N, C-alpha and C. Protein backbone atom coordinates (compact mmCIF):
# COMPACT_ATOMS: atom_id res chain seq x y z
N UNK A 1 113.20 -76.10 319.86
CA UNK A 1 114.35 -75.99 318.99
C UNK A 1 113.92 -75.28 317.70
N UNK A 2 114.63 -74.27 317.33
CA UNK A 2 114.33 -73.54 316.10
C UNK A 2 114.91 -74.28 314.89
N UNK A 3 114.53 -73.82 313.72
CA UNK A 3 115.07 -74.42 312.50
C UNK A 3 116.58 -74.21 312.45
N UNK A 4 117.06 -73.05 312.88
CA UNK A 4 118.50 -72.79 312.90
C UNK A 4 119.21 -73.74 313.86
N UNK A 5 118.60 -74.00 315.02
CA UNK A 5 119.19 -74.95 315.97
C UNK A 5 119.23 -76.36 315.36
N UNK A 6 118.17 -76.70 314.66
CA UNK A 6 118.12 -78.02 314.02
C UNK A 6 119.20 -78.13 312.95
N UNK A 7 119.40 -77.07 312.19
CA UNK A 7 120.46 -77.06 311.17
C UNK A 7 121.82 -77.27 311.82
N UNK A 8 122.06 -76.60 312.96
CA UNK A 8 123.33 -76.77 313.68
C UNK A 8 123.50 -78.21 314.14
N UNK A 9 122.41 -78.82 314.62
CA UNK A 9 122.48 -80.22 315.05
C UNK A 9 122.75 -81.14 313.88
N UNK A 10 122.15 -80.84 312.74
CA UNK A 10 122.36 -81.67 311.55
C UNK A 10 123.79 -81.56 311.03
N UNK A 11 124.45 -80.44 311.32
CA UNK A 11 125.84 -80.29 310.90
C UNK A 11 126.75 -81.36 311.51
N UNK A 12 126.34 -81.90 312.66
CA UNK A 12 127.15 -82.93 313.32
C UNK A 12 126.85 -84.33 312.81
N UNK A 13 125.81 -84.44 311.99
CA UNK A 13 125.45 -85.73 311.42
C UNK A 13 126.34 -86.01 310.22
N UNK A 14 126.83 -87.23 310.15
CA UNK A 14 127.58 -87.65 308.96
C UNK A 14 126.95 -88.94 308.43
N UNK A 15 127.57 -89.55 307.49
CA UNK A 15 126.98 -90.73 306.83
C UNK A 15 126.99 -91.99 307.69
N UNK A 16 127.64 -91.95 308.85
CA UNK A 16 127.67 -93.15 309.69
C UNK A 16 126.28 -93.45 310.24
N UNK A 17 125.98 -94.71 310.31
CA UNK A 17 124.67 -95.15 310.81
C UNK A 17 124.46 -94.66 312.24
N UNK A 18 125.51 -94.68 313.05
CA UNK A 18 125.42 -94.27 314.45
C UNK A 18 124.94 -92.82 314.59
N UNK A 19 125.54 -91.92 313.84
CA UNK A 19 125.17 -90.50 313.92
C UNK A 19 123.74 -90.27 313.41
N UNK A 20 123.40 -90.95 312.31
CA UNK A 20 122.05 -90.80 311.77
C UNK A 20 121.01 -91.36 312.74
N UNK A 21 121.33 -92.47 313.36
CA UNK A 21 120.41 -93.11 314.31
C UNK A 21 120.21 -92.22 315.54
N UNK A 22 121.29 -91.65 316.02
CA UNK A 22 121.21 -90.77 317.19
C UNK A 22 120.27 -89.59 316.91
N UNK A 23 120.45 -88.95 315.78
CA UNK A 23 119.63 -87.79 315.44
C UNK A 23 118.18 -88.21 315.17
N UNK A 24 117.98 -89.33 314.52
CA UNK A 24 116.61 -89.77 314.24
C UNK A 24 115.88 -90.13 315.53
N UNK A 25 116.58 -90.69 316.50
CA UNK A 25 115.95 -90.99 317.79
C UNK A 25 115.51 -89.70 318.48
N UNK A 26 116.33 -88.66 318.36
CA UNK A 26 115.97 -87.37 318.93
C UNK A 26 114.70 -86.82 318.27
N UNK A 27 114.61 -86.93 316.96
CA UNK A 27 113.42 -86.46 316.23
C UNK A 27 112.20 -87.30 316.62
N UNK A 28 112.38 -88.59 316.77
CA UNK A 28 111.26 -89.46 317.18
C UNK A 28 110.72 -89.05 318.54
N UNK A 29 111.60 -88.60 319.42
CA UNK A 29 111.18 -88.16 320.75
C UNK A 29 110.61 -86.74 320.74
N UNK A 30 110.87 -86.01 319.66
CA UNK A 30 110.43 -84.62 319.53
C UNK A 30 109.75 -84.46 318.16
N UNK A 31 108.59 -85.08 317.97
CA UNK A 31 107.97 -85.11 316.64
C UNK A 31 107.60 -83.74 316.07
N UNK A 32 107.52 -82.72 316.91
CA UNK A 32 107.24 -81.38 316.37
C UNK A 32 108.37 -80.86 315.49
N UNK A 33 109.50 -81.57 315.49
CA UNK A 33 110.63 -81.19 314.64
C UNK A 33 110.50 -81.73 313.21
N UNK A 34 109.48 -82.53 312.95
CA UNK A 34 109.29 -83.06 311.60
C UNK A 34 109.09 -81.92 310.60
N UNK A 35 108.27 -80.94 310.96
CA UNK A 35 108.01 -79.84 310.02
C UNK A 35 109.28 -79.07 309.68
N UNK A 36 110.08 -78.60 310.65
CA UNK A 36 111.31 -77.92 310.27
C UNK A 36 112.30 -78.84 309.56
N UNK A 37 112.29 -80.13 309.90
CA UNK A 37 113.17 -81.09 309.22
C UNK A 37 112.79 -81.17 307.74
N UNK A 38 111.50 -81.19 307.45
CA UNK A 38 111.04 -81.21 306.05
C UNK A 38 111.44 -79.92 305.33
N UNK A 39 111.31 -78.80 306.01
CA UNK A 39 111.69 -77.52 305.40
C UNK A 39 113.17 -77.52 305.03
N UNK A 40 113.98 -78.08 305.89
CA UNK A 40 115.43 -78.16 305.63
C UNK A 40 115.69 -79.15 304.49
N UNK A 41 114.97 -80.26 304.51
CA UNK A 41 115.16 -81.29 303.47
C UNK A 41 114.90 -80.73 302.07
N UNK A 42 113.96 -79.82 301.98
CA UNK A 42 113.61 -79.27 300.67
C UNK A 42 114.27 -77.93 300.38
N UNK A 43 115.39 -77.65 301.04
CA UNK A 43 116.13 -76.41 300.79
C UNK A 43 116.95 -76.49 299.50
N UNK A 44 116.77 -77.52 298.75
CA UNK A 44 117.47 -77.62 297.46
C UNK A 44 118.89 -78.11 297.62
N UNK A 45 119.83 -77.31 297.16
CA UNK A 45 121.23 -77.74 297.15
C UNK A 45 121.99 -77.34 298.41
N UNK A 46 121.28 -76.90 299.42
CA UNK A 46 121.95 -76.58 300.69
C UNK A 46 122.60 -77.86 301.21
N UNK A 47 123.86 -77.78 301.65
CA UNK A 47 124.56 -78.99 302.08
C UNK A 47 123.85 -79.77 303.19
N UNK A 48 123.09 -79.09 304.00
CA UNK A 48 122.44 -79.75 305.12
C UNK A 48 121.14 -80.45 304.70
N UNK A 49 120.63 -80.14 303.51
CA UNK A 49 119.36 -80.74 303.09
C UNK A 49 119.44 -82.25 302.96
N UNK A 50 120.57 -82.74 302.45
CA UNK A 50 120.69 -84.20 302.32
C UNK A 50 120.71 -84.88 303.68
N UNK A 51 121.30 -84.24 304.68
CA UNK A 51 121.31 -84.82 306.03
C UNK A 51 119.90 -84.88 306.60
N UNK A 52 119.11 -83.85 306.33
CA UNK A 52 117.72 -83.85 306.78
C UNK A 52 116.95 -84.99 306.11
N UNK A 53 117.24 -85.25 304.85
CA UNK A 53 116.59 -86.37 304.14
C UNK A 53 117.00 -87.71 304.74
N UNK A 54 118.27 -87.85 305.08
CA UNK A 54 118.74 -89.10 305.71
C UNK A 54 117.98 -89.34 307.01
N UNK A 55 117.88 -88.29 307.82
CA UNK A 55 117.24 -88.42 309.12
C UNK A 55 115.75 -88.72 308.94
N UNK A 56 115.12 -88.03 308.02
CA UNK A 56 113.71 -88.26 307.77
C UNK A 56 113.46 -89.72 307.39
N UNK A 57 114.33 -90.27 306.57
CA UNK A 57 114.18 -91.69 306.19
C UNK A 57 114.24 -92.58 307.43
N UNK A 58 115.22 -92.37 308.28
CA UNK A 58 115.36 -93.19 309.49
C UNK A 58 114.14 -93.04 310.39
N UNK A 59 113.65 -91.81 310.54
CA UNK A 59 112.50 -91.55 311.40
C UNK A 59 111.26 -92.26 310.86
N UNK A 60 111.00 -92.11 309.58
CA UNK A 60 109.78 -92.67 309.00
C UNK A 60 109.83 -94.19 308.88
N UNK A 61 111.02 -94.76 308.82
CA UNK A 61 111.11 -96.22 308.85
C UNK A 61 110.59 -96.74 310.20
N UNK A 62 110.79 -95.94 311.24
CA UNK A 62 110.34 -96.36 312.58
C UNK A 62 108.90 -95.95 312.86
N UNK A 63 108.48 -94.79 312.32
CA UNK A 63 107.12 -94.33 312.58
C UNK A 63 106.61 -93.55 311.37
N UNK A 64 106.04 -94.26 310.43
CA UNK A 64 105.56 -93.66 309.18
C UNK A 64 104.43 -92.67 309.42
N UNK A 65 103.70 -92.85 310.50
CA UNK A 65 102.58 -91.95 310.79
C UNK A 65 103.01 -90.51 311.04
N UNK A 66 104.27 -90.28 311.34
CA UNK A 66 104.72 -88.92 311.60
C UNK A 66 104.66 -88.03 310.35
N UNK A 67 104.58 -88.63 309.18
CA UNK A 67 104.51 -87.85 307.94
C UNK A 67 103.07 -87.42 307.64
N UNK A 68 102.10 -88.04 308.26
CA UNK A 68 100.70 -87.80 307.93
C UNK A 68 100.31 -86.32 307.93
N UNK A 69 100.63 -85.53 308.96
CA UNK A 69 100.22 -84.12 308.91
C UNK A 69 100.93 -83.30 307.83
N UNK A 70 102.00 -83.84 307.29
CA UNK A 70 102.82 -83.09 306.34
C UNK A 70 102.83 -83.72 304.94
N UNK A 71 101.84 -84.55 304.68
CA UNK A 71 101.84 -85.30 303.42
C UNK A 71 101.79 -84.38 302.21
N UNK A 72 101.06 -83.27 302.32
CA UNK A 72 101.01 -82.31 301.21
C UNK A 72 102.37 -81.70 300.95
N UNK A 73 103.02 -81.24 302.01
CA UNK A 73 104.35 -80.62 301.89
C UNK A 73 105.33 -81.62 301.28
N UNK A 74 105.28 -82.84 301.77
CA UNK A 74 106.20 -83.88 301.28
C UNK A 74 105.99 -84.13 299.78
N UNK A 75 104.77 -84.42 299.38
CA UNK A 75 104.53 -84.80 297.99
C UNK A 75 104.70 -83.62 297.03
N UNK A 76 104.32 -82.43 297.45
CA UNK A 76 104.41 -81.27 296.56
C UNK A 76 105.84 -80.80 296.31
N UNK A 77 106.77 -81.21 297.17
CA UNK A 77 108.15 -80.75 297.04
C UNK A 77 109.12 -81.79 296.51
N UNK A 78 108.67 -83.00 296.30
CA UNK A 78 109.56 -84.06 295.82
C UNK A 78 110.27 -83.67 294.52
N UNK A 79 109.56 -83.00 293.64
CA UNK A 79 110.13 -82.64 292.34
C UNK A 79 111.30 -81.63 292.46
N UNK A 80 111.47 -81.01 293.61
CA UNK A 80 112.52 -80.01 293.78
C UNK A 80 113.88 -80.63 294.07
N UNK A 81 113.90 -81.89 294.43
CA UNK A 81 115.14 -82.55 294.83
C UNK A 81 116.00 -82.88 293.61
N UNK A 82 117.29 -82.57 293.71
CA UNK A 82 118.19 -82.87 292.60
C UNK A 82 119.44 -83.62 293.05
N UNK A 83 119.87 -83.42 294.28
CA UNK A 83 121.08 -84.08 294.77
C UNK A 83 120.82 -85.56 295.02
N UNK A 84 121.70 -86.42 294.51
CA UNK A 84 121.54 -87.86 294.73
C UNK A 84 121.44 -88.21 296.21
N UNK A 85 122.20 -87.51 297.04
CA UNK A 85 122.19 -87.81 298.47
C UNK A 85 120.87 -87.43 299.14
N UNK A 86 120.05 -86.63 298.47
CA UNK A 86 118.70 -86.32 298.95
C UNK A 86 117.66 -87.19 298.26
N UNK A 87 117.86 -87.45 296.99
CA UNK A 87 116.90 -88.23 296.21
C UNK A 87 116.79 -89.65 296.74
N UNK A 88 117.91 -90.30 297.04
CA UNK A 88 117.87 -91.70 297.48
C UNK A 88 116.98 -91.90 298.71
N UNK A 89 117.18 -91.15 299.81
CA UNK A 89 116.31 -91.39 300.97
C UNK A 89 114.84 -91.02 300.71
N UNK A 90 114.61 -90.01 299.89
CA UNK A 90 113.23 -89.62 299.61
C UNK A 90 112.55 -90.66 298.71
N UNK A 91 113.31 -91.25 297.80
CA UNK A 91 112.76 -92.33 296.97
C UNK A 91 112.41 -93.53 297.86
N UNK A 92 113.24 -93.79 298.85
CA UNK A 92 112.98 -94.89 299.79
C UNK A 92 111.71 -94.59 300.59
N UNK A 93 111.56 -93.34 301.04
CA UNK A 93 110.35 -92.97 301.78
C UNK A 93 109.11 -93.16 300.90
N UNK A 94 109.20 -92.75 299.65
CA UNK A 94 108.08 -92.96 298.72
C UNK A 94 107.75 -94.45 298.62
N UNK A 95 108.77 -95.27 298.48
CA UNK A 95 108.56 -96.71 298.38
C UNK A 95 107.86 -97.24 299.63
N UNK A 96 108.31 -96.81 300.81
CA UNK A 96 107.71 -97.26 302.07
C UNK A 96 106.24 -96.82 302.15
N UNK A 97 105.99 -95.56 301.79
CA UNK A 97 104.62 -95.04 301.85
C UNK A 97 103.71 -95.77 300.86
N UNK A 98 104.20 -96.00 299.66
CA UNK A 98 103.37 -96.65 298.64
C UNK A 98 103.14 -98.12 299.01
N UNK A 99 104.14 -98.78 299.58
CA UNK A 99 103.93 -100.15 300.05
C UNK A 99 102.88 -100.19 301.15
N UNK A 100 102.92 -99.19 302.05
CA UNK A 100 101.91 -99.11 303.11
C UNK A 100 100.53 -98.87 302.51
N UNK A 101 100.46 -98.02 301.50
CA UNK A 101 99.19 -97.69 300.87
C UNK A 101 98.55 -98.95 300.26
N UNK A 102 99.35 -99.79 299.65
CA UNK A 102 98.83 -100.99 298.99
C UNK A 102 98.84 -102.22 299.90
N UNK A 103 99.19 -102.04 301.15
CA UNK A 103 99.22 -103.15 302.10
C UNK A 103 97.81 -103.67 302.37
N UNK A 104 97.70 -104.96 302.60
CA UNK A 104 96.40 -105.54 302.96
C UNK A 104 96.05 -105.20 304.41
N UNK A 105 97.06 -104.86 305.19
CA UNK A 105 96.86 -104.49 306.58
C UNK A 105 96.47 -103.01 306.66
N UNK A 106 95.36 -102.72 307.31
CA UNK A 106 94.88 -101.34 307.43
C UNK A 106 95.92 -100.47 308.15
N UNK A 107 96.11 -99.24 307.62
CA UNK A 107 97.03 -98.30 308.25
C UNK A 107 96.62 -96.87 307.89
N UNK A 108 97.18 -95.90 308.59
CA UNK A 108 96.82 -94.49 308.42
C UNK A 108 97.15 -93.96 307.03
N UNK A 109 98.21 -94.46 306.43
CA UNK A 109 98.63 -93.96 305.11
C UNK A 109 97.52 -94.18 304.08
N UNK A 110 96.81 -95.29 304.19
CA UNK A 110 95.74 -95.59 303.25
C UNK A 110 94.61 -94.56 303.31
N UNK A 111 94.38 -94.00 304.47
CA UNK A 111 93.29 -93.03 304.60
C UNK A 111 93.75 -91.60 304.30
N UNK A 112 95.04 -91.37 304.23
CA UNK A 112 95.56 -90.02 304.02
C UNK A 112 95.95 -89.76 302.57
N UNK A 113 96.58 -90.74 301.94
CA UNK A 113 97.01 -90.54 300.55
C UNK A 113 95.81 -90.50 299.62
N UNK A 114 95.75 -89.47 298.81
CA UNK A 114 94.69 -89.31 297.83
C UNK A 114 95.32 -89.36 296.45
N UNK A 115 94.52 -89.48 295.40
CA UNK A 115 95.11 -89.58 294.05
C UNK A 115 96.12 -88.48 293.73
N UNK A 116 95.90 -87.26 294.18
CA UNK A 116 96.83 -86.16 293.92
C UNK A 116 98.22 -86.50 294.48
N UNK A 117 98.27 -87.03 295.71
CA UNK A 117 99.55 -87.40 296.33
C UNK A 117 100.22 -88.52 295.54
N UNK A 118 99.42 -89.51 295.15
CA UNK A 118 99.97 -90.64 294.40
C UNK A 118 100.53 -90.19 293.06
N UNK A 119 99.82 -89.26 292.40
CA UNK A 119 100.29 -88.74 291.12
C UNK A 119 101.61 -87.98 291.28
N UNK A 120 101.72 -87.18 292.34
CA UNK A 120 102.96 -86.44 292.57
C UNK A 120 104.13 -87.38 292.84
N UNK A 121 103.87 -88.45 293.59
CA UNK A 121 104.94 -89.43 293.85
C UNK A 121 105.29 -90.18 292.57
N UNK A 122 104.29 -90.52 291.76
CA UNK A 122 104.55 -91.20 290.49
C UNK A 122 105.41 -90.32 289.59
N UNK A 123 105.08 -89.05 289.52
CA UNK A 123 105.85 -88.12 288.69
C UNK A 123 107.30 -88.03 289.16
N UNK A 124 107.49 -87.90 290.47
CA UNK A 124 108.85 -87.83 291.02
C UNK A 124 109.61 -89.12 290.73
N UNK A 125 108.95 -90.25 290.92
CA UNK A 125 109.61 -91.54 290.68
C UNK A 125 110.02 -91.70 289.22
N UNK A 126 109.17 -91.28 288.29
CA UNK A 126 109.56 -91.34 286.88
C UNK A 126 110.76 -90.42 286.62
N UNK A 127 110.74 -89.23 287.21
CA UNK A 127 111.88 -88.31 287.05
C UNK A 127 113.16 -88.96 287.55
N UNK A 128 113.09 -89.60 288.71
CA UNK A 128 114.27 -90.24 289.29
C UNK A 128 114.71 -91.44 288.47
N UNK A 129 113.75 -92.14 287.89
CA UNK A 129 114.07 -93.32 287.10
C UNK A 129 114.75 -92.95 285.79
N UNK A 130 114.30 -91.90 285.13
CA UNK A 130 114.88 -91.54 283.84
C UNK A 130 116.02 -90.54 283.96
N UNK A 131 116.17 -89.94 285.13
CA UNK A 131 117.24 -88.96 285.33
C UNK A 131 118.57 -89.64 285.60
N UNK A 132 119.58 -88.83 285.73
CA UNK A 132 120.94 -89.31 286.03
C UNK A 132 121.09 -89.51 287.53
N UNK A 133 120.43 -90.52 288.04
CA UNK A 133 120.48 -90.81 289.47
C UNK A 133 121.08 -92.18 289.70
N UNK A 134 121.51 -92.39 290.93
CA UNK A 134 122.13 -93.67 291.27
C UNK A 134 121.08 -94.77 291.29
N UNK A 135 121.56 -95.99 291.23
CA UNK A 135 120.69 -97.16 291.09
C UNK A 135 119.72 -97.32 292.25
N UNK A 136 120.13 -97.01 293.46
CA UNK A 136 119.24 -97.20 294.61
C UNK A 136 117.96 -96.40 294.42
N UNK A 137 118.07 -95.13 294.07
CA UNK A 137 116.88 -94.30 293.87
C UNK A 137 116.04 -94.84 292.72
N UNK A 138 116.70 -95.32 291.68
CA UNK A 138 115.98 -95.87 290.53
C UNK A 138 115.26 -97.17 290.91
N UNK A 139 115.91 -97.99 291.73
CA UNK A 139 115.30 -99.25 292.15
C UNK A 139 114.07 -98.99 293.03
N UNK A 140 114.18 -98.06 293.98
CA UNK A 140 113.03 -97.72 294.81
C UNK A 140 111.90 -97.18 293.94
N UNK A 141 112.27 -96.40 292.93
CA UNK A 141 111.26 -95.83 292.03
C UNK A 141 110.57 -96.92 291.22
N UNK A 142 111.32 -97.93 290.79
CA UNK A 142 110.71 -99.03 290.04
C UNK A 142 109.64 -99.72 290.88
N UNK A 143 109.98 -100.01 292.14
CA UNK A 143 109.04 -100.68 293.03
C UNK A 143 107.79 -99.82 293.24
N UNK A 144 108.01 -98.53 293.48
CA UNK A 144 106.88 -97.62 293.70
C UNK A 144 105.98 -97.56 292.47
N UNK A 145 106.57 -97.42 291.31
CA UNK A 145 105.80 -97.32 290.07
C UNK A 145 105.07 -98.61 289.74
N UNK A 146 105.70 -99.73 290.03
CA UNK A 146 105.04 -101.02 289.81
C UNK A 146 103.75 -101.09 290.62
N UNK A 147 103.81 -100.66 291.87
CA UNK A 147 102.62 -100.66 292.72
C UNK A 147 101.60 -99.60 292.27
N UNK A 148 102.08 -98.42 291.96
CA UNK A 148 101.18 -97.33 291.54
C UNK A 148 100.43 -97.67 290.26
N UNK A 149 100.99 -98.57 289.47
CA UNK A 149 100.32 -99.01 288.26
C UNK A 149 99.00 -99.73 288.53
N UNK A 150 98.78 -100.13 289.77
CA UNK A 150 97.50 -100.74 290.14
C UNK A 150 96.38 -99.69 290.13
N UNK A 151 96.77 -98.45 290.38
CA UNK A 151 95.79 -97.36 290.44
C UNK A 151 95.72 -96.59 289.14
N UNK A 152 96.86 -96.35 288.52
CA UNK A 152 96.93 -95.56 287.30
C UNK A 152 97.33 -96.47 286.14
N UNK A 153 96.40 -96.73 285.25
CA UNK A 153 96.66 -97.70 284.18
C UNK A 153 97.71 -97.24 283.16
N UNK A 154 98.05 -95.98 283.14
CA UNK A 154 99.06 -95.48 282.21
C UNK A 154 100.48 -95.79 282.68
N UNK A 155 100.65 -96.09 283.96
CA UNK A 155 102.00 -96.25 284.51
C UNK A 155 102.71 -97.48 283.99
N UNK A 156 102.07 -98.63 284.00
CA UNK A 156 102.77 -99.86 283.60
C UNK A 156 103.33 -99.82 282.18
N UNK A 157 102.56 -99.35 281.18
CA UNK A 157 103.14 -99.27 279.83
C UNK A 157 104.33 -98.30 279.77
N UNK A 158 104.23 -97.18 280.47
CA UNK A 158 105.34 -96.21 280.49
C UNK A 158 106.56 -96.79 281.19
N UNK A 159 106.32 -97.45 282.32
CA UNK A 159 107.41 -98.07 283.08
C UNK A 159 108.11 -99.12 282.23
N UNK A 160 107.33 -99.95 281.58
CA UNK A 160 107.91 -101.00 280.73
C UNK A 160 108.77 -100.39 279.62
N UNK A 161 108.26 -99.33 278.99
CA UNK A 161 108.99 -98.68 277.91
C UNK A 161 110.32 -98.10 278.42
N UNK A 162 110.29 -97.43 279.56
CA UNK A 162 111.51 -96.83 280.11
C UNK A 162 112.53 -97.91 280.46
N UNK A 163 112.08 -98.97 281.10
CA UNK A 163 113.00 -100.04 281.51
C UNK A 163 113.63 -100.73 280.29
N UNK A 164 112.82 -101.00 279.29
CA UNK A 164 113.35 -101.65 278.09
C UNK A 164 114.31 -100.73 277.34
N UNK A 165 114.02 -99.45 277.33
CA UNK A 165 114.86 -98.47 276.64
C UNK A 165 116.22 -98.32 277.33
N UNK A 166 116.23 -98.33 278.66
CA UNK A 166 117.45 -98.08 279.42
C UNK A 166 118.19 -99.35 279.86
N UNK A 167 117.60 -100.49 279.59
CA UNK A 167 118.17 -101.76 280.07
C UNK A 167 119.60 -101.96 279.57
N UNK A 168 119.83 -101.79 278.30
CA UNK A 168 121.15 -102.09 277.71
C UNK A 168 122.25 -101.22 278.29
N UNK A 169 121.95 -100.00 278.63
CA UNK A 169 122.98 -99.09 279.14
C UNK A 169 123.06 -99.07 280.66
N UNK A 170 122.18 -99.82 281.33
CA UNK A 170 122.15 -99.83 282.79
C UNK A 170 123.27 -100.64 283.41
N UNK A 171 123.55 -100.33 284.68
CA UNK A 171 124.55 -101.10 285.44
C UNK A 171 123.99 -102.49 285.74
N UNK A 172 124.82 -103.35 286.28
CA UNK A 172 124.37 -104.70 286.64
C UNK A 172 123.22 -104.65 287.64
N UNK A 173 123.33 -103.77 288.62
CA UNK A 173 122.28 -103.64 289.63
C UNK A 173 120.99 -103.13 289.00
N UNK A 174 121.10 -102.17 288.11
CA UNK A 174 119.93 -101.63 287.41
C UNK A 174 119.26 -102.75 286.61
N UNK A 175 120.08 -103.50 285.87
CA UNK A 175 119.54 -104.58 285.04
C UNK A 175 118.83 -105.63 285.90
N UNK A 176 119.40 -105.95 287.05
CA UNK A 176 118.79 -106.96 287.92
C UNK A 176 117.41 -106.50 288.39
N UNK A 177 117.31 -105.26 288.86
CA UNK A 177 116.01 -104.77 289.34
C UNK A 177 115.05 -104.58 288.18
N UNK A 178 115.54 -104.09 287.06
CA UNK A 178 114.69 -103.90 285.89
C UNK A 178 114.13 -105.25 285.42
N UNK A 179 114.97 -106.27 285.43
CA UNK A 179 114.53 -107.61 285.01
C UNK A 179 113.40 -108.10 285.92
N UNK A 180 113.57 -107.93 287.24
CA UNK A 180 112.52 -108.35 288.17
C UNK A 180 111.23 -107.57 287.93
N UNK A 181 111.37 -106.28 287.70
CA UNK A 181 110.19 -105.44 287.47
C UNK A 181 109.50 -105.82 286.17
N UNK A 182 110.29 -106.03 285.12
CA UNK A 182 109.71 -106.43 283.84
C UNK A 182 109.00 -107.79 283.94
N UNK A 183 109.57 -108.69 284.72
CA UNK A 183 108.92 -110.00 284.91
C UNK A 183 107.57 -109.82 285.58
N UNK A 184 107.48 -108.88 286.53
CA UNK A 184 106.20 -108.61 287.18
C UNK A 184 105.21 -107.97 286.22
N UNK A 185 105.73 -107.18 285.28
CA UNK A 185 104.86 -106.53 284.30
C UNK A 185 104.42 -107.49 283.20
N UNK A 186 105.23 -108.51 282.95
CA UNK A 186 104.96 -109.49 281.91
C UNK A 186 104.84 -110.88 282.51
N UNK A 187 103.80 -111.14 283.29
CA UNK A 187 103.70 -112.46 283.92
C UNK A 187 103.61 -113.56 282.85
N UNK A 188 104.11 -114.73 283.22
CA UNK A 188 104.06 -115.86 282.29
C UNK A 188 102.61 -116.16 281.95
N UNK A 189 102.39 -116.45 280.72
CA UNK A 189 101.01 -116.69 280.26
C UNK A 189 100.61 -118.12 280.43
């Protein structure tokens, strides 16, 4: 299947779970499509890019190892995303990858992610957290940054400052996640 064929297939995907699941199952059975799917996902404001991001999220939730050969492409292009419908699934993928990285259970992500990748994800997460993005992407970013602060000592003070600064103007959902994150940053003495 060419990239153009994949784009045509993605045109039939809509926001329903059923359509996304159907397409993600096809990608899981044809893992060589991950590379063109990533290329489509990072096409910027192309209408089909958000659908590619949705599918990638579903695929990687089932098999995170499929991103391993493309980890450089994934992390180096995160900063290019601007559409909320693309940012949310990519923020979720970052959260899943970072949770795997810090997991006590050995996995492939731990051996593949290097500080450069972690820094690129941290940068993207901060951009999503301080940008005009929906709460879901911001919440996933908070979780990712909280974990990344174990490796980069500059992250926790920056995260705390951003959350405290934006708390008053945040939505109820933002405030709830920010409160949980701040409690983790400020454990009871």
